[in-house]
Amino acid sequence: MVAGYQTNRGAAYSLSYHIVWCPEHRRPVLVGSVADRLRDLIGHKCDEHGWSVPALEVMPDHVHLVVRAGPDRLAFVCGEPAQGLYVADVA
């Protein structure tokens, strides 16, 4: 197998996802402890699924994330960290 490729039961692949998302109305709320918490949540979720994160930039009004992952269940990266931030801020 060529270096850099991953395999599963039926395929060989090398997938990188570039994900960009922002808070509602692009409000600059991703600063300080919120930005740190978001980095932790994304890192934890990617470790949990065995994905690597070649690049992560948290800007005040948006996030750039590059994830090397398989072709399944990438929605966890976007949805769960956002829910974790909301719960942490409300509590």
Protein backbone atom coordinates (compact mmCIF):
# COMPACT_ATOMS: atom_id res chain seq x y z
CA MET A 1 0.00 0.00 0.00
CA VAL A 2 1.26 3.49 -0.82
CA ALA A 3 2.21 5.59 2.21
CA GLY A 4 -0.46 8.06 3.32
CA TYR A 5 -3.39 5.87 2.36
CA GLN A 6 -5.72 4.24 4.86
CA THR A 7 -7.78 1.14 4.26
CA ASN A 8 -11.01 -0.33 5.47
CA ARG A 9 -12.84 -3.49 4.53
CA GLY A 10 -13.65 -2.45 0.98
CA ALA A 11 -11.50 0.53 0.05
CA ALA A 12 -8.21 2.38 0.19
CA TYR A 13 -8.52 6.12 0.69
CA SER A 14 -6.73 9.33 1.54
CA LEU A 15 -9.37 11.87 2.54
CA SER A 16 -8.87 15.32 4.00
CA TYR A 17 -11.88 17.43 4.88
CA HIS A 18 -11.59 21.22 5.05
CA ILE A 19 -14.42 22.42 7.27
CA VAL A 20 -15.26 26.05 7.91
CA TRP A 21 -18.03 27.12 10.22
CA CYS A 22 -19.03 30.26 12.08
CA PRO A 23 -21.33 31.40 14.89
CA GLU A 24 -24.71 32.87 14.05
CA HIS A 25 -24.32 36.24 12.30
CA ARG A 26 -20.52 35.74 12.47
CA ARG A 27 -20.39 37.26 15.90
CA PRO A 28 -16.81 37.39 17.25
CA VAL A 29 -17.38 35.11 20.26
CA LEU A 30 -14.66 32.49 19.68
CA VAL A 31 -12.01 34.18 21.82
CA GLY A 32 -10.20 33.47 25.08
CA SER A 33 -11.49 30.55 27.11
CA VAL A 34 -14.23 29.78 24.56
CA ALA A 35 -11.63 29.32 21.81
CA ASP A 36 -9.50 27.15 24.12
CA ARG A 37 -12.50 25.02 25.06
CA LEU A 38 -13.44 24.60 21.39
CA ARG A 39 -9.90 23.43 20.53
CA ASP A 40 -10.09 20.90 23.39
CA LEU A 41 -13.51 19.62 22.30
CA ILE A 42 -12.44 19.20 18.67
CA GLY A 43 -9.19 17.49 19.67
CA HIS A 44 -11.00 15.13 22.04
CA LYS A 45 -13.65 14.21 19.46
CA CYS A 46 -11.04 13.58 16.74
CA ASP A 47 -8.92 11.46 19.10
CA GLU A 48 -12.01 9.49 20.06
CA HIS A 49 -12.63 8.58 16.42
CA GLY A 50 -8.97 8.12 15.44
CA TRP A 51 -8.84 11.11 13.09
CA SER A 52 -5.83 13.37 12.69
CA VAL A 53 -6.01 17.17 12.64
CA PRO A 54 -3.31 18.64 10.36
CA ALA A 55 -4.67 22.18 10.77
CA LEU A 56 -7.00 23.99 13.18
CA GLU A 57 -7.44 27.75 13.31
CA VAL A 58 -9.98 29.31 15.64
CA MET A 59 -10.62 32.91 14.61
CA PRO A 60 -12.93 35.23 16.59
CA ASP A 61 -15.76 34.81 14.06
CA HIS A 62 -15.08 31.46 12.35
CA VAL A 63 -13.15 28.17 12.52
CA HIS A 64 -11.01 26.47 9.86
CA LEU A 65 -10.45 22.77 10.44
CA VAL A 66 -8.67 20.20 8.29
CA VAL A 67 -9.34 16.60 9.30
CA ARG A 68 -7.90 13.40 7.85
CA ALA A 69 -10.62 10.83 8.34
CA GLY A 70 -12.45 7.97 6.74
CA PRO A 71 -15.55 8.37 4.63
CA ASP A 72 -17.97 7.81 7.52
CA ARG A 73 -19.52 9.86 10.32
CA LEU A 74 -17.67 13.16 9.99
CA ALA A 75 -20.72 15.06 11.28
CA PHE A 76 -19.51 14.41 14.84
CA VAL A 77 -16.68 16.91 14.34
CA CYS A 78 -19.06 19.79 13.68
CA GLY A 79 -22.10 19.03 15.81
CA GLU A 80 -20.87 17.76 19.15
CA PRO A 81 -18.22 20.42 19.93
CA ALA A 82 -20.81 23.14 19.27
CA GLN A 83 -23.24 21.49 21.67
CA GLY A 84 -20.47 21.18 24.27
CA LEU A 85 -19.72 24.90 24.03
CA TYR A 86 -23.38 25.77 24.45
CA VAL A 87 -23.77 23.58 27.52
CA ALA A 88 -20.57 24.97 29.08
CA ASP A 89 -21.67 28.59 28.53
CA VAL A 90 -25.20 28.07 29.84
CA ALA A 91 -24.15 26.17 32.98
